[in-house]
PDB file of N, CA and C in Angstrom:
ATOM      1  N   MET A   1     109.447-116.149  64.476  1.00  0.00           N
ATOM      2  CA  MET A   1     109.728-117.424  63.768  1.00  0.00           C
ATOM      3  C   MET A   1     110.679-117.402  62.990  1.00  0.00           C
ATOM      4  N   THR A   2     111.986-118.296  62.937  1.00  0.00           N
ATOM      5  CA  THR A   2     112.621-117.678  61.570  1.00  0.00           C
ATOM      6  C   THR A   2     112.392-119.045  60.470  1.00  0.00           C
ATOM      7  N   ASN A   3     112.714-119.107  59.737  1.00  0.00           N
ATOM      8  CA  ASN A   3     112.506-120.151  58.442  1.00  0.00           C
ATOM      9  C   ASN A   3     114.043-120.916  58.393  1.00  0.00           C
ATOM     10  N   PRO A   4     113.218-122.305  58.561  1.00  0.00           N
ATOM     11  CA  PRO A   4     114.543-122.955  58.253  1.00  0.00           C
ATOM     12  C   PRO A   4     115.479-123.021  56.864  1.00  0.00           C
ATOM     13  N   PRO A   5     116.723-123.509  56.729  1.00  0.00           N
ATOM     14  CA  PRO A   5     117.358-123.072  55.598  1.00  0.00           C
ATOM     15  C   PRO A   5     116.815-124.548  54.424  1.00  0.00           C
ATOM     16  N   VAL A   6     116.565-123.803  53.048  1.00  0.00           N
ATOM     17  CA  VAL A   6     115.860-124.761  52.289  1.00  0.00           C
ATOM     18  C   VAL A   6     117.486-124.988  51.367  1.00  0.00           C
ATOM     19  N   CYS A   7     117.455-126.584  50.956  1.00  0.00           N
ATOM     20  CA  CYS A   7     118.571-126.854  49.989  1.00  0.00           C
ATOM     21  C   CYS A   7     118.220-126.734  49.009  1.00  0.00           C
ATOM     22  N   ASN A   8     119.165-126.125  48.361  1.00  0.00           N
ATOM     23  CA  ASN A   8     119.167-125.821  46.640  1.00  0.00           C
ATOM     24  C   ASN A   8     120.044-126.873  46.119  1.00  0.00           C
ATOM     25  N   TYR A   9     119.414-127.602  45.246  1.00  0.00           N
ATOM     26  CA  TYR A   9     120.662-128.797  44.778  1.00  0.00           C
ATOM     27  C   TYR A   9     120.870-128.054  42.925  1.00  0.00           C
ATOM     28  N   GLU A  10     120.729-127.002  42.844  1.00  0.00           N
ATOM     29  CA  GLU A  10     120.959-126.318  41.513  1.00  0.00           C
ATOM     30  C   GLU A  10     122.484-126.173  41.445  1.00  0.00           C
ATOM     31  N   GLY A  11     123.052-126.575  40.354  1.00  0.00           N
ATOM     32  CA  GLY A  11     124.340-127.013  40.106  1.00  0.00           C
ATOM     33  C   GLY A  11     125.147-127.894  40.594  1.00  0.00           C
ATOM     34  N   SER A  12     124.252-128.747  41.398  1.00  0.00           N
ATOM     35  CA  SER A  12     124.900-130.245  41.962  1.00  0.00           C
ATOM     36  C   SER A  12     124.594-131.382  41.068  1.00  0.00           C
ATOM     37  N   ASP A  13     125.614-132.460  41.298  1.00  0.00           N
ATOM     38  CA  ASP A  13     125.603-133.576  40.455  1.00  0.00           C
ATOM     39  C   ASP A  13     124.672-134.725  41.290  1.00  0.00           C
ATOM     40  N   TYR A  14     123.236-133.955  42.324  1.00  0.00           N
ATOM     41  CA  TYR A  14     122.586-135.339  42.716  1.00  0.00           C
ATOM     42  C   TYR A  14     121.896-135.791  42.211  1.00  0.00           C
ATOM     43  N   GLN A  15     121.004-135.757  41.020  1.00  0.00           N
ATOM     44  CA  GLN A  15     120.658-136.306  40.016  1.00  0.00           C
ATOM     45  C   GLN A  15     121.384-137.556  39.200  1.00  0.00           C
ATOM     46  N   GLN A  16     122.297-137.075  38.980  1.00  0.00           N
ATOM     47  CA  GLN A  16     122.990-137.888  38.264  1.00  0.00           C
ATOM     48  C   GLN A  16     123.429-139.003  39.269  1.00  0.00           C
ATOM     49  N   THR A  17     124.342-138.753  40.335  1.00  0.00           N
ATOM     50  CA  THR A  17     125.028-139.152  41.390  1.00  0.00           C
ATOM     51  C   THR A  17     123.722-140.316  42.137  1.00  0.00           C
ATOM     52  N   PHE A  18     122.902-139.914  42.634  1.00  0.00           N
ATOM     53  CA  PHE A  18     121.889-140.450  43.493  1.00  0.00           C
ATOM     54  C   PHE A  18     120.341-141.201  42.273  1.00  0.00           C
ATOM     55  N   TRP A  19     120.398-141.030  41.526  1.00  0.00           N
ATOM     56  CA  TRP A  19     119.147-141.692  40.506  1.00  0.00           C
ATOM     57  C   TRP A  19     119.662-141.998  39.223  1.00  0.00           C
ATOM     58  N   GLU A  20     120.758-141.528  38.535  1.00  0.00           N
ATOM     59  CA  GLU A  20     120.922-142.228  37.359  1.00  0.00           C
ATOM     60  C   GLU A  20     122.465-143.172  37.402  1.00  0.00           C
ATOM     61  N   GLN A  21     123.084-143.181  38.569  1.00  0.00           N
ATOM     62  CA  GLN A  21     124.571-143.981  38.832  1.00  0.00           C
ATOM     63  C   GLN A  21     124.012-144.901  39.890  1.00  0.00           C
ATOM     64  N   GLY A  22     122.733-144.851  40.785  1.00  0.00           N
ATOM     65  CA  GLY A  22     122.309-145.822  41.551  1.00  0.00           C
ATOM     66  C   GLY A  22     123.350-145.624  42.852  1.00  0.00           C
ATOM     67  N   GLY A  23     123.575-144.492  43.008  1.00  0.00           N
ATOM     68  CA  GLY A  23     124.469-144.325  44.200  1.00  0.00           C
ATOM     69  C   GLY A  23     123.529-144.015  45.831  1.00  0.00           C
ATOM     70  N   ARG A  24     122.485-144.606  45.227  1.00  0.00           N
ATOM     71  CA  ARG A  24     121.356-144.486  46.376  1.00  0.00           C
ATOM     72  C   ARG A  24     121.109-145.566  47.704  1.00  0.00           C
ATOM     73  N   ALA A  25     121.951-146.283  47.823  1.00  0.00           N
ATOM     74  CA  ALA A  25     122.004-147.649  48.575  1.00  0.00           C
ATOM     75  C   ALA A  25     121.381-146.841  50.449  1.00  0.00           C
ATOM     76  N   TYR A  26     122.201-146.033  50.651  1.00  0.00           N
ATOM     77  CA  TYR A  26     121.545-145.434  52.142  1.00  0.00           C
ATOM     78  C   TYR A  26     120.235-145.045  52.073  1.00  0.00           C
ATOM     79  N   GLU A  27     119.843-144.244  50.965  1.00  0.00           N
ATOM     80  CA  GLU A  27     118.364-143.833  50.722  1.00  0.00           C
ATOM     81  C   GLU A  27     117.407-145.098  51.088  1.00  0.00           C
ATOM     82  N   ASP A  28     117.682-145.811  49.672  1.00  0.00           N
ATOM     83  CA  ASP A  28     116.903-146.833  49.551  1.00  0.00           C
ATOM     84  C   ASP A  28     116.967-147.632  51.034  1.00  0.00           C
ATOM     85  N   GLN A  29     117.825-147.648  51.990  1.00  0.00           N
ATOM     86  CA  GLN A  29     117.892-148.600  52.788  1.00  0.00           C
ATOM     87  C   GLN A  29     116.935-147.800  53.917  1.00  0.00           C
ATOM     88  N   ALA A  30     117.325-146.727  54.376  1.00  0.00           N
ATOM     89  CA  ALA A  30     116.603-145.789  55.074  1.00  0.00           C
ATOM     90  C   ALA A  30     114.906-145.650  55.034  1.00  0.00           C
ATOM     91  N   GLU A  31     114.536-146.044  53.934  1.00  0.00           N
ATOM     92  CA  GLU A  31     113.230-145.758  53.386  1.00  0.00           C
ATOM     93  C   GLU A  31     112.555-147.343  53.462  1.00  0.00           C
ATOM     94  N   ALA A  32     113.270-148.346  53.262  1.00  0.00           N
ATOM     95  CA  ALA A  32     112.916-149.563  53.552  1.00  0.00           C
ATOM     96  C   ALA A  32     112.988-149.811  55.218  1.00  0.00           C
ATOM     97  N   ILE A  33     113.590-149.318  55.748  1.00  0.00           N
ATOM     98  CA  ILE A  33     113.413-149.845  57.129  1.00  0.00           C
ATOM     99  C   ILE A  33     112.307-148.766  57.732  1.00  0.00           C
ATOM    100  N   ALA A  34     111.832-147.604  57.548  1.00  0.00           N
ATOM    101  CA  ALA A  34     111.006-146.390  57.814  1.00  0.00           C
ATOM    102  C   ALA A  34     109.340-147.015  57.161  1.00  0.00           C
ATOM    103  N   LEU A  35     109.440-147.712  56.337  1.00  0.00           N
ATOM    104  CA  LEU A  35     108.474-148.620  55.399  1.00  0.00           C
ATOM    105  C   LEU A  35     108.096-149.959  56.444  1.00  0.00           C
ATOM    106  N   LYS A  36     109.223-150.268  56.917  1.00  0.00           N
ATOM    107  CA  LYS A  36     108.901-151.498  57.458  1.00  0.00           C
ATOM    108  C   LYS A  36     108.337-151.087  58.810  1.00  0.00           C
ATOM    109  N   LYS A  37     109.172-150.392  59.485  1.00  0.00           N
ATOM    110  CA  LYS A  37     108.113-149.863  61.139  1.00  0.00           C
ATOM    111  C   LYS A  37     106.924-149.031  60.973  1.00  0.00           C
ATOM    112  N   ILE A  38     106.237-148.328  60.019  1.00  0.00           N
ATOM    113  CA  ILE A  38     104.861-148.243  59.906  1.00  0.00           C
ATOM    114  C   ILE A  38     104.531-148.729  59.789  1.00  0.00           C
ATOM    115  N   THR A  39     104.314-150.028  59.037  1.00  0.00           N
ATOM    116  CA  THR A  39     103.450-151.343  58.206  1.00  0.00           C
ATOM    117  C   THR A  39     103.595-152.390  58.782  1.00  0.00           C
ATOM    118  N   SER A  40     104.343-152.709  60.546  1.00  0.00           N
ATOM    119  CA  SER A  40     104.377-153.386  61.251  1.00  0.00           C
ATOM    120  C   SER A  40     103.588-153.180  62.672  1.00  0.00           C
TER     121      SER A  40
END
């Protein structure tokens, strides 16, 4: 069995871009769709 690759966000601007600047529209929409499907 092989280990899957691990995401490493060290040195990236992920936190600033997606959490502090509100660039999470795609993630927010995906979460809303998933929650709607599992709760209906």
